[in-house]
Amino acid sequence: MNGKPTKGTHRKGHLLQKNCLQCGLPFTWRKKWARVWDEVKYCSDRCRNEHKKTTKENKA
């Protein structure tokens, strides 16, 4: 290949990015988040669960 995408391939450099509210690391758009991208706040289930733990401890 000469660096040009062929039919059926795409480059991922143009995907949207957000920063995780828990760990602060950037994460990119995924197809499974297409309908709810505006609602996605965490990069993983682990970060989502950790955030729930920390907010619960802060309230107590």
PDB file of N, CA and C in Angstrom:
ATOM      1  N   MET A   1       0.835  -1.195   0.000  1.00  0.00           N
ATOM      2  CA  MET A   1       0.000   0.000   0.000  1.00  0.00           C
ATOM      3  C   MET A   1       0.868   1.243   0.000  1.00  0.00           C
ATOM      4  N   ASN A   2       0.314   2.286  -0.506  1.00  0.00           N
ATOM      5  CA  ASN A   2       1.058   3.533  -0.601  1.00  0.00           C
ATOM      6  C   ASN A   2       0.590   4.579   0.404  1.00  0.00           C
ATOM      7  N   GLY A   3      -0.043   4.148   1.494  1.00  0.00           N
ATOM      8  CA  GLY A   3      -0.481   5.073   2.515  1.00  0.00           C
ATOM      9  C   GLY A   3      -1.880   5.606   2.316  1.00  0.00           C
ATOM     10  N   LYS A   4      -2.495   5.287   1.200  1.00  0.00           N
ATOM     11  CA  LYS A   4      -3.860   5.733   0.943  1.00  0.00           C
ATOM     12  C   LYS A   4      -4.832   4.640   1.388  1.00  0.00           C
ATOM     13  N   PRO A   5      -5.936   5.034   2.027  1.00  0.00           N
ATOM     14  CA  PRO A   5      -6.902   4.011   2.424  1.00  0.00           C
ATOM     15  C   PRO A   5      -7.552   3.375   1.204  1.00  0.00           C
ATOM     16  N   THR A   6      -7.763   2.093   1.274  1.00  0.00           N
ATOM     17  CA  THR A   6      -8.428   1.394   0.187  1.00  0.00           C
ATOM     18  C   THR A   6      -9.906   1.288   0.506  1.00  0.00           C
ATOM     19  N   LYS A   7     -10.663   0.788  -0.431  1.00  0.00           N
ATOM     20  CA  LYS A   7     -12.104   0.664  -0.236  1.00  0.00           C
ATOM     21  C   LYS A   7     -12.393  -0.185   0.997  1.00  0.00           C
ATOM     22  N   GLY A   8     -13.260   0.308   1.875  1.00  0.00           N
ATOM     23  CA  GLY A   8     -13.643  -0.431   3.059  1.00  0.00           C
ATOM     24  C   GLY A   8     -12.796  -0.138   4.286  1.00  0.00           C
ATOM     25  N   THR A   9     -11.749   0.650   4.134  1.00  0.00           N
ATOM     26  CA  THR A   9     -10.928   0.997   5.290  1.00  0.00           C
ATOM     27  C   THR A   9     -11.108   2.477   5.605  1.00  0.00           C
ATOM     28  N   HIS A  10     -10.775   2.846   6.804  1.00  0.00           N
ATOM     29  CA  HIS A  10     -10.861   4.243   7.202  1.00  0.00           C
ATOM     30  C   HIS A  10      -9.774   4.539   8.228  1.00  0.00           C
ATOM     31  N   ARG A  11      -9.525   5.796   8.397  1.00  0.00           N
ATOM     32  CA  ARG A  11      -8.524   6.215   9.375  1.00  0.00           C
ATOM     33  C   ARG A  11      -9.237   6.668  10.640  1.00  0.00           C
ATOM     34  N   LYS A  12      -8.637   6.378  11.764  1.00  0.00           N
ATOM     35  CA  LYS A  12      -9.275   6.691  13.035  1.00  0.00           C
ATOM     36  C   LYS A  12      -8.792   8.007  13.625  1.00  0.00           C
ATOM     37  N   GLY A  13      -7.984   8.735  12.926  1.00  0.00           N
ATOM     38  CA  GLY A  13      -7.444   9.980  13.435  1.00  0.00           C
ATOM     39  C   GLY A  13      -8.462  11.089  13.574  1.00  0.00           C
ATOM     40  N   HIS A  14      -9.585  10.963  12.909  1.00  0.00           N
ATOM     41  CA  HIS A  14     -10.591  12.028  12.930  1.00  0.00           C
ATOM     42  C   HIS A  14     -11.732  11.763  13.902  1.00  0.00           C
ATOM     43  N   LEU A  15     -11.655  10.717  14.713  1.00  0.00           N
ATOM     44  CA  LEU A  15     -12.717  10.397  15.654  1.00  0.00           C
ATOM     45  C   LEU A  15     -12.758  11.414  16.797  1.00  0.00           C
ATOM     46  N   LEU A  16     -13.949  11.630  17.329  1.00  0.00           N
ATOM     47  CA  LEU A  16     -14.124  12.565  18.438  1.00  0.00           C
ATOM     48  C   LEU A  16     -13.445  12.053  19.697  1.00  0.00           C
ATOM     49  N   GLN A  17     -13.036  12.968  20.548  1.00  0.00           N
ATOM     50  CA  GLN A  17     -12.386  12.601  21.807  1.00  0.00           C
ATOM     51  C   GLN A  17     -13.009  13.351  22.965  1.00  0.00           C
ATOM     52  N   LYS A  18     -12.961  12.709  24.129  1.00  0.00           N
ATOM     53  CA  LYS A  18     -13.370  13.330  25.393  1.00  0.00           C
ATOM     54  C   LYS A  18     -12.361  12.922  26.443  1.00  0.00           C
ATOM     55  N   ASN A  19     -12.353  13.639  27.560  1.00  0.00           N
ATOM     56  CA  ASN A  19     -11.528  13.260  28.701  1.00  0.00           C
ATOM     57  C   ASN A  19     -12.417  12.615  29.748  1.00  0.00           C
ATOM     58  N   CYS A  20     -11.943  11.530  30.311  1.00  0.00           N
ATOM     59  CA  CYS A  20     -12.667  10.796  31.343  1.00  0.00           C
ATOM     60  C   CYS A  20     -12.759  11.655  32.610  1.00  0.00           C
ATOM     61  N   LEU A  21     -13.946  11.715  33.218  1.00  0.00           N
ATOM     62  CA  LEU A  21     -14.124  12.513  34.431  1.00  0.00           C
ATOM     63  C   LEU A  21     -13.399  11.921  35.630  1.00  0.00           C
ATOM     64  N   GLN A  22     -13.172  10.622  35.626  1.00  0.00           N
ATOM     65  CA  GLN A  22     -12.524   9.969  36.762  1.00  0.00           C
ATOM     66  C   GLN A  22     -10.999   9.996  36.652  1.00  0.00           C
ATOM     67  N   CYS A  23     -10.465   9.456  35.564  1.00  0.00           N
ATOM     68  CA  CYS A  23      -9.006   9.328  35.447  1.00  0.00           C
ATOM     69  C   CYS A  23      -8.359  10.466  34.656  1.00  0.00           C
ATOM     70  N   GLY A  24      -9.157  11.208  33.890  1.00  0.00           N
ATOM     71  CA  GLY A  24      -8.629  12.343  33.146  1.00  0.00           C
ATOM     72  C   GLY A  24      -7.974  11.996  31.816  1.00  0.00           C
ATOM     73  N   LEU A  25      -7.918  10.711  31.483  1.00  0.00           N
ATOM     74  CA  LEU A  25      -7.301  10.308  30.226  1.00  0.00           C
ATOM     75  C   LEU A  25      -8.263  10.505  29.058  1.00  0.00           C
ATOM     76  N   PRO A  26      -7.733  10.826  27.878  1.00  0.00           N
ATOM     77  CA  PRO A  26      -8.606  10.982  26.714  1.00  0.00           C
ATOM     78  C   PRO A  26      -9.070   9.623  26.197  1.00  0.00           C
ATOM     79  N   PHE A  27     -10.294   9.575  25.713  1.00  0.00           N
ATOM     80  CA  PHE A  27     -10.798   8.374  25.058  1.00  0.00           C
ATOM     81  C   PHE A  27     -11.557   8.791  23.806  1.00  0.00           C
ATOM     82  N   THR A  28     -11.622   7.900  22.843  1.00  0.00           N
ATOM     83  CA  THR A  28     -12.209   8.237  21.554  1.00  0.00           C
ATOM     84  C   THR A  28     -13.586   7.610  21.380  1.00  0.00           C
ATOM     85  N   TRP A  29     -14.307   8.169  20.447  1.00  0.00           N
ATOM     86  CA  TRP A  29     -15.650   7.728  20.084  1.00  0.00           C
ATOM     87  C   TRP A  29     -15.624   6.263  19.684  1.00  0.00           C
ATOM     88  N   ARG A  30     -16.661   5.546  20.099  1.00  0.00           N
ATOM     89  CA  ARG A  30     -16.845   4.157  19.678  1.00  0.00           C
ATOM     90  C   ARG A  30     -18.213   4.023  19.034  1.00  0.00           C
ATOM     91  N   LYS A  31     -18.319   3.105  18.098  1.00  0.00           N
ATOM     92  CA  LYS A  31     -19.573   2.931  17.382  1.00  0.00           C
ATOM     93  C   LYS A  31     -20.722   2.605  18.333  1.00  0.00           C
ATOM     94  N   LYS A  32     -20.451   1.815  19.387  1.00  0.00           N
ATOM     95  CA  LYS A  32     -21.525   1.443  20.313  1.00  0.00           C
ATOM     96  C   LYS A  32     -22.035   2.648  21.108  1.00  0.00           C
ATOM     97  N   TRP A  33     -21.276   3.758  21.128  1.00  0.00           N
ATOM     98  CA  TRP A  33     -21.689   4.973  21.819  1.00  0.00           C
ATOM     99  C   TRP A  33     -22.334   5.981  20.870  1.00  0.00           C
ATOM    100  N   ALA A  34     -22.579   5.607  19.638  1.00  0.00           N
ATOM    101  CA  ALA A  34     -23.053   6.550  18.623  1.00  0.00           C
ATOM    102  C   ALA A  34     -24.320   7.288  19.045  1.00  0.00           C
ATOM    103  N   ARG A  35     -25.265   6.594  19.633  1.00  0.00           N
ATOM    104  CA  ARG A  35     -26.546   7.219  20.004  1.00  0.00           C
ATOM    105  C   ARG A  35     -26.473   8.001  21.308  1.00  0.00           C
ATOM    106  N   VAL A  36     -25.496   7.697  22.146  1.00  0.00           N
ATOM    107  CA  VAL A  36     -25.432   8.306  23.479  1.00  0.00           C
ATOM    108  C   VAL A  36     -24.118   9.045  23.735  1.00  0.00           C
ATOM    109  N   TRP A  37     -23.422   9.454  22.696  1.00  0.00           N
ATOM    110  CA  TRP A  37     -22.105  10.063  22.849  1.00  0.00           C
ATOM    111  C   TRP A  37     -22.144  11.276  23.779  1.00  0.00           C
ATOM    112  N   ASP A  38     -23.213  12.056  23.733  1.00  0.00           N
ATOM    113  CA  ASP A  38     -23.315  13.229  24.598  1.00  0.00           C
ATOM    114  C   ASP A  38     -23.419  12.852  26.070  1.00  0.00           C
ATOM    115  N   GLU A  39     -23.894  11.651  26.356  1.00  0.00           N
ATOM    116  CA  GLU A  39     -24.067  11.193  27.735  1.00  0.00           C
ATOM    117  C   GLU A  39     -22.850  10.449  28.287  1.00  0.00           C
ATOM    118  N   VAL A  40     -21.928  10.041  27.425  1.00  0.00           N
ATOM    119  CA  VAL A  40     -20.756   9.272  27.852  1.00  0.00           C
ATOM    120  C   VAL A  40     -19.799  10.193  28.604  1.00  0.00           C
ATOM    121  N   LYS A  41     -19.420   9.778  29.837  1.00  0.00           N
ATOM    122  CA  LYS A  41     -18.552  10.598  30.672  1.00  0.00           C
ATOM    123  C   LYS A  41     -17.273   9.875  31.082  1.00  0.00           C
ATOM    124  N   TYR A  42     -17.287   8.553  31.034  1.00  0.00           N
ATOM    125  CA  TYR A  42     -16.167   7.761  31.546  1.00  0.00           C
ATOM    126  C   TYR A  42     -15.623   6.857  30.448  1.00  0.00           C
ATOM    127  N   CYS A  43     -14.327   6.583  30.517  1.00  0.00           N
ATOM    128  CA  CYS A  43     -13.673   5.778  29.492  1.00  0.00           C
ATOM    129  C   CYS A  43     -13.952   4.283  29.650  1.00  0.00           C
ATOM    130  N   SER A  44     -14.332   3.855  30.852  1.00  0.00           N
ATOM    131  CA  SER A  44     -14.539   2.428  31.097  1.00  0.00           C
ATOM    132  C   SER A  44     -15.516   2.209  32.239  1.00  0.00           C
ATOM    133  N   ASP A  45     -15.960   0.965  32.381  1.00  0.00           N
ATOM    134  CA  ASP A  45     -16.822   0.607  33.510  1.00  0.00           C
ATOM    135  C   ASP A  45     -16.081   0.806  34.823  1.00  0.00           C
ATOM    136  N   ARG A  46     -14.800   0.514  34.812  1.00  0.00           N
ATOM    137  CA  ARG A  46     -14.005   0.677  36.035  1.00  0.00           C
ATOM    138  C   ARG A  46     -14.027   2.129  36.517  1.00  0.00           C
ATOM    139  N   CYS A  47     -13.814   3.065  35.617  1.00  0.00           N
ATOM    140  CA  CYS A  47     -13.823   4.482  36.003  1.00  0.00           C
ATOM    141  C   CYS A  47     -15.215   4.909  36.452  1.00  0.00           C
ATOM    142  N   ARG A  48     -16.249   4.412  35.787  1.00  0.00           N
ATOM    143  CA  ARG A  48     -17.616   4.757  36.181  1.00  0.00           C
ATOM    144  C   ARG A  48     -17.908   4.260  37.589  1.00  0.00           C
ATOM    145  N   ASN A  49     -17.505   3.025  37.889  1.00  0.00           N
ATOM    146  CA  ASN A  49     -17.724   2.456  39.216  1.00  0.00           C
ATOM    147  C   ASN A  49     -16.890   3.167  40.281  1.00  0.00           C
ATOM    148  N   GLU A  50     -15.651   3.518  39.963  1.00  0.00           N
ATOM    149  CA  GLU A  50     -14.796   4.242  40.908  1.00  0.00           C
ATOM    150  C   GLU A  50     -15.400   5.607  41.244  1.00  0.00           C
ATOM    151  N   HIS A  51     -15.961   6.259  40.239  1.00  0.00           N
ATOM    152  CA  HIS A  51     -16.576   7.565  40.471  1.00  0.00           C
ATOM    153  C   HIS A  51     -17.774   7.437  41.412  1.00  0.00           C
ATOM    154  N   LYS A  52     -18.558   6.382  41.219  1.00  0.00           N
ATOM    155  CA  LYS A  52     -19.701   6.142  42.106  1.00  0.00           C
ATOM    156  C   LYS A  52     -19.235   5.917  43.539  1.00  0.00           C
ATOM    157  N   LYS A  53     -18.136   5.177  43.708  1.00  0.00           N
ATOM    158  CA  LYS A  53     -17.588   4.912  45.039  1.00  0.00           C
ATOM    159  C   LYS A  53     -17.143   6.205  45.710  1.00  0.00           C
ATOM    160  N   THR A  54     -16.418   7.035  44.979  1.00  0.00           N
ATOM    161  CA  THR A  54     -15.872   8.255  45.577  1.00  0.00           C
ATOM    162  C   THR A  54     -16.973   9.249  45.927  1.00  0.00           C
ATOM    163  N   THR A  55     -18.013   9.344  45.103  1.00  0.00           N
ATOM    164  CA  THR A  55     -19.093  10.272  45.425  1.00  0.00           C
ATOM    165  C   THR A  55     -19.913   9.742  46.599  1.00  0.00           C
ATOM    166  N   LYS A  56     -20.064   8.435  46.696  1.00  0.00           N
ATOM    167  CA  LYS A  56     -20.787   7.834  47.814  1.00  0.00           C
ATOM    168  C   LYS A  56     -20.037   8.060  49.128  1.00  0.00           C
ATOM    169  N   GLU A  57     -18.710   7.924  49.104  1.00  0.00           N
ATOM    170  CA  GLU A  57     -17.888   8.137  50.295  1.00  0.00           C
ATOM    171  C   GLU A  57     -17.895   9.608  50.721  1.00  0.00           C
ATOM    172  N   ASN A  58     -17.923  10.499  49.761  1.00  0.00           N
ATOM    173  CA  ASN A  58     -17.940  11.926  50.056  1.00  0.00           C
ATOM    174  C   ASN A  58     -19.247  12.353  50.726  1.00  0.00           C
ATOM    175  N   LYS A  59     -20.350  11.707  50.356  1.00  0.00           N
ATOM    176  CA  LYS A  59     -21.647  12.034  50.936  1.00  0.00           C
ATOM    177  C   LYS A  59     -21.762  11.523  52.378  1.00  0.00           C
ATOM    178  N   ALA A  60     -21.103  10.422  52.664  1.00  0.00           N
ATOM    179  CA  ALA A  60     -21.211   9.809  54.007  1.00  0.00           C
ATOM    180  C   ALA A  60     -20.430  10.569  55.064  1.00  0.00           C
TER     181      ALA A  60
END
